[in-house]
Amino acid sequence: MADNKFFSSPSVDVIEKSTKIIGDIFSKADFRIDGQVEGNINTSGKVVVGNSGNISGKLNCSNADISGKVSGSIEVKETLSLMADSYISGDITTAKLSVEEGAQVEATISMKSGKQLKAVEAENEKNSQTEKTA
């Protein structure tokens, strides 16, 4: 694929509008989803859900741009962008969130970064060590 400013890897897996996948997807590649996925998507790459794209399941990725529909939990390590035509139903956990006017969101949103999670874990370990008595 030629120089592509939207994806982080040189190759992109595309699920066309006429395609329906039932099952889980595990990959390191970037994805563009214009069809339907009934299952979980777990990738270290970026996921773009087009206007006709529909995911029913858990989405776990590094970055995501969503214009279509996602029903289920979304975990994005870096930036989640919800476009004007998007519809989200479920739980969202991300470090950064961008929401365009018109996006429909029925979700619980948690803003967390990897650094914050490590700091909380270290603090919890410290507290549990000081609370112990002989």
C-alpha atoms as a PDB file:
ATOM      1  CA  MET A   1       0.000   0.000   0.000  1.00  0.00           C
ATOM      2  CA  ALA A   2       1.369   3.423  -0.890  1.00  0.00           C
ATOM      3  CA  ASP A   3       2.104   6.145   1.654  1.00  0.00           C
ATOM      4  CA  ASN A   4      -0.898   6.073   3.984  1.00  0.00           C
ATOM      5  CA  LYS A   5      -1.333   8.780   6.618  1.00  0.00           C
ATOM      6  CA  PHE A   6      -4.355   7.127   8.282  1.00  0.00           C
ATOM      7  CA  PHE A   7      -2.822   3.821   9.365  1.00  0.00           C
ATOM      8  CA  SER A   8       0.325   3.004  11.323  1.00  0.00           C
ATOM      9  CA  SER A   9       1.347  -0.136   9.415  1.00  0.00           C
ATOM     10  CA  PRO A  10       2.027  -0.517   5.677  1.00  0.00           C
ATOM     11  CA  SER A  11      -0.722  -3.135   5.277  1.00  0.00           C
ATOM     12  CA  VAL A  12      -4.396  -2.803   6.142  1.00  0.00           C
ATOM     13  CA  ASP A  13      -6.910  -5.633   6.461  1.00  0.00           C
ATOM     14  CA  VAL A  14     -10.247  -4.562   4.968  1.00  0.00           C
ATOM     15  CA  ILE A  15     -13.624  -6.071   5.798  1.00  0.00           C
ATOM     16  CA  GLU A  16     -15.806  -4.975   2.906  1.00  0.00           C
ATOM     17  CA  LYS A  17     -19.406  -3.760   3.169  1.00  0.00           C
ATOM     18  CA  SER A  18     -20.742  -7.051   1.788  1.00  0.00           C
ATOM     19  CA  THR A  19     -18.762  -9.153   4.311  1.00  0.00           C
ATOM     20  CA  LYS A  20     -20.017 -10.519   7.639  1.00  0.00           C
ATOM     21  CA  ILE A  21     -17.602 -12.206  10.044  1.00  0.00           C
ATOM     22  CA  ILE A  22     -18.819 -14.271  12.988  1.00  0.00           C
ATOM     23  CA  GLY A  23     -15.986 -15.010  15.414  1.00  0.00           C
ATOM     24  CA  ASP A  24     -13.009 -13.376  17.089  1.00  0.00           C
ATOM     25  CA  ILE A  25     -10.174 -11.618  15.244  1.00  0.00           C
ATOM     26  CA  PHE A  26      -6.612 -11.552  16.609  1.00  0.00           C
ATOM     27  CA  SER A  27      -4.038  -9.584  14.624  1.00  0.00           C
ATOM     28  CA  LYS A  28      -1.180  -7.101  14.664  1.00  0.00           C
ATOM     29  CA  ALA A  29      -2.425  -5.349  11.521  1.00  0.00           C
ATOM     30  CA  ASP A  30      -4.512  -2.236  11.015  1.00  0.00           C
ATOM     31  CA  PHE A  31      -8.159  -2.773  10.053  1.00  0.00           C
ATOM     32  CA  ARG A  32     -10.809  -0.951   8.085  1.00  0.00           C
ATOM     33  CA  ILE A  33     -14.272  -2.329   8.761  1.00  0.00           C
ATOM     34  CA  ASP A  34     -17.107  -1.461   6.396  1.00  0.00           C
ATOM     35  CA  GLY A  35     -18.970  -4.762   6.902  1.00  0.00           C
ATOM     36  CA  GLN A  36     -20.217  -6.576  10.010  1.00  0.00           C
ATOM     37  CA  VAL A  37     -18.232  -8.296  12.745  1.00  0.00           C
ATOM     38  CA  GLU A  38     -20.016 -10.362  15.393  1.00  0.00           C
ATOM     39  CA  GLY A  39     -17.198 -11.139  17.790  1.00  0.00           C
ATOM     40  CA  ASN A  40     -14.183  -9.587  19.459  1.00  0.00           C
ATOM     41  CA  ILE A  41     -11.404  -7.712  17.668  1.00  0.00           C
ATOM     42  CA  ASN A  42      -7.998  -7.652  19.328  1.00  0.00           C
ATOM     43  CA  THR A  43      -5.169  -5.921  17.442  1.00  0.00           C
ATOM     44  CA  SER A  44      -2.087  -3.880  18.266  1.00  0.00           C
ATOM     45  CA  GLY A  45      -2.870  -1.757  15.202  1.00  0.00           C
ATOM     46  CA  LYS A  46      -5.421   0.926  14.385  1.00  0.00           C
ATOM     47  CA  VAL A  47      -9.077   0.196  13.624  1.00  0.00           C
ATOM     48  CA  VAL A  48     -11.229   2.372  11.354  1.00  0.00           C
ATOM     49  CA  VAL A  49     -14.964   1.617  11.338  1.00  0.00           C
ATOM     50  CA  GLY A  50     -16.610   3.150   8.275  1.00  0.00           C
ATOM     51  CA  ASN A  51     -20.179   4.517   8.091  1.00  0.00           C
ATOM     52  CA  SER A  52     -21.557   1.099   7.138  1.00  0.00           C
ATOM     53  CA  GLY A  53     -19.333  -0.776   9.620  1.00  0.00           C
ATOM     54  CA  ASN A  54     -20.926  -2.612  12.548  1.00  0.00           C
ATOM     55  CA  ILE A  55     -19.131  -4.374  15.417  1.00  0.00           C
ATOM     56  CA  SER A  56     -21.025  -6.431  18.004  1.00  0.00           C
ATOM     57  CA  GLY A  57     -18.402  -7.430  20.549  1.00  0.00           C
ATOM     58  CA  LYS A  58     -15.291  -6.166  22.283  1.00  0.00           C
ATOM     59  CA  LEU A  59     -12.863  -3.895  20.422  1.00  0.00           C
ATOM     60  CA  ASN A  60      -9.276  -3.747  21.749  1.00  0.00           C
ATOM     61  CA  CYS A  61      -6.708  -1.756  19.737  1.00  0.00           C
ATOM     62  CA  SER A  62      -4.087   1.001  19.857  1.00  0.00           C
ATOM     63  CA  ASN A  63      -6.127   3.718  18.064  1.00  0.00           C
ATOM     64  CA  ALA A  64      -9.622   3.839  16.579  1.00  0.00           C
ATOM     65  CA  ASP A  65     -11.667   6.112  14.319  1.00  0.00           C
ATOM     66  CA  ILE A  66     -15.343   5.158  14.393  1.00  0.00           C
ATOM     67  CA  SER A  67     -18.016   6.386  11.993  1.00  0.00           C
ATOM     68  CA  GLY A  68     -20.243   3.302  12.176  1.00  0.00           C
ATOM     69  CA  LYS A  69     -21.810   1.336  15.020  1.00  0.00           C
ATOM     70  CA  VAL A  70     -20.131  -0.488  17.921  1.00  0.00           C
ATOM     71  CA  SER A  71     -22.138  -2.439  20.500  1.00  0.00           C
ATOM     72  CA  GLY A  72     -19.851  -3.735  23.235  1.00  0.00           C
ATOM     73  CA  SER A  73     -16.833  -2.648  25.193  1.00  0.00           C
ATOM     74  CA  ILE A  74     -14.091  -0.562  23.577  1.00  0.00           C
ATOM     75  CA  GLU A  75     -10.524  -0.473  24.924  1.00  0.00           C
ATOM     76  CA  VAL A  76      -8.188   1.886  23.070  1.00  0.00           C
ATOM     77  CA  LYS A  77      -4.629   2.327  24.356  1.00  0.00           C
ATOM     78  CA  GLU A  78      -4.120   5.745  22.773  1.00  0.00           C
ATOM     79  CA  THR A  79      -6.769   7.825  20.921  1.00  0.00           C
ATOM     80  CA  LEU A  80     -10.427   7.023  20.217  1.00  0.00           C
ATOM     81  CA  SER A  81     -12.129   9.328  17.691  1.00  0.00           C
ATOM     82  CA  LEU A  82     -15.921   9.182  17.412  1.00  0.00           C
ATOM     83  CA  MET A  83     -17.139  10.745  14.183  1.00  0.00           C
ATOM     84  CA  ALA A  84     -20.477  12.513  13.687  1.00  0.00           C
ATOM     85  CA  ASP A  85     -22.259   9.423  12.310  1.00  0.00           C
ATOM     86  CA  SER A  86     -21.039   7.010  14.995  1.00  0.00           C
ATOM     87  CA  TYR A  87     -23.261   5.128  17.456  1.00  0.00           C
ATOM     88  CA  ILE A  88     -21.602   3.568  20.502  1.00  0.00           C
ATOM     89  CA  SER A  89     -23.329   1.375  23.078  1.00  0.00           C
ATOM     90  CA  GLY A  90     -21.241  -0.155  25.877  1.00  0.00           C
ATOM     91  CA  ASP A  91     -18.177   0.694  27.940  1.00  0.00           C
ATOM     92  CA  ILE A  92     -15.236   2.801  26.738  1.00  0.00           C
ATOM     93  CA  THR A  93     -11.719   2.826  28.196  1.00  0.00           C
ATOM     94  CA  THR A  94      -9.181   5.055  26.453  1.00  0.00           C
ATOM     95  CA  ALA A  95      -6.309   7.472  27.091  1.00  0.00           C
ATOM     96  CA  LYS A  96      -7.645  10.208  24.759  1.00  0.00           C
ATOM     97  CA  LEU A  97     -11.160  10.760  23.426  1.00  0.00           C
ATOM     98  CA  SER A  98     -12.334  12.938  20.535  1.00  0.00           C
ATOM     99  CA  VAL A  99     -16.082  13.242  19.901  1.00  0.00           C
ATOM    100  CA  GLU A 100     -17.577  15.081  16.928  1.00  0.00           C
ATOM    101  CA  GLU A 101     -20.942  16.807  17.211  1.00  0.00           C
ATOM    102  CA  GLY A 102     -23.686  14.359  16.250  1.00  0.00           C
ATOM    103  CA  ALA A 103     -21.988  11.237  17.611  1.00  0.00           C
ATOM    104  CA  GLN A 104     -24.362   9.119  19.701  1.00  0.00           C
ATOM    105  CA  VAL A 105     -22.787   7.616  22.817  1.00  0.00           C
ATOM    106  CA  GLU A 106     -24.597   5.436  25.350  1.00  0.00           C
ATOM    107  CA  ALA A 107     -21.576   4.314  27.339  1.00  0.00           C
ATOM    108  CA  THR A 108     -19.617   4.440  30.548  1.00  0.00           C
ATOM    109  CA  ILE A 109     -16.348   6.213  29.752  1.00  0.00           C
ATOM    110  CA  SER A 110     -13.070   5.717  31.647  1.00  0.00           C
ATOM    111  CA  MET A 111     -10.071   7.859  30.740  1.00  0.00           C
ATOM    112  CA  LYS A 112      -6.886   5.979  31.618  1.00  0.00           C
ATOM    113  CA  SER A 113      -3.400   5.880  30.217  1.00  0.00           C
ATOM    114  CA  GLY A 114      -0.800   3.175  30.637  1.00  0.00           C
ATOM    115  CA  LYS A 115       1.321   5.496  32.824  1.00  0.00           C
ATOM    116  CA  GLN A 116      -1.598   6.152  35.177  1.00  0.00           C
ATOM    117  CA  LEU A 117      -2.349   2.454  35.493  1.00  0.00           C
ATOM    118  CA  LYS A 118       1.276   1.657  36.397  1.00  0.00           C
ATOM    119  CA  ALA A 119       1.325   4.460  38.981  1.00  0.00           C
ATOM    120  CA  VAL A 120      -1.890   3.209  40.599  1.00  0.00           C
ATOM    121  CA  GLU A 121      -0.563  -0.371  40.709  1.00  0.00           C
ATOM    122  CA  ALA A 122       2.711   0.792  42.317  1.00  0.00           C
ATOM    123  CA  GLU A 123       0.825   2.852  44.900  1.00  0.00           C
ATOM    124  CA  ASN A 124      -1.449  -0.092  45.747  1.00  0.00           C
ATOM    125  CA  GLU A 125       1.583  -2.345  46.262  1.00  0.00           C
ATOM    126  CA  LYS A 126       3.197   0.269  48.504  1.00  0.00           C
ATOM    127  CA  ASN A 127       0.026   0.618  50.597  1.00  0.00           C
ATOM    128  CA  SER A 128      -0.397  -3.130  50.971  1.00  0.00           C
ATOM    129  CA  GLN A 129       3.201  -3.467  52.212  1.00  0.00           C
ATOM    130  CA  THR A 130       2.825  -0.717  54.833  1.00  0.00           C
ATOM    131  CA  GLU A 131      -0.485  -2.083  56.102  1.00  0.00           C
ATOM    132  CA  LYS A 132       0.979  -5.457  57.039  1.00  0.00           C
ATOM    133  CA  THR A 133       1.611  -5.982  60.740  1.00  0.00           C
ATOM    134  CA  ALA A 134       3.559  -8.668  62.556  1.00  0.00           C
END
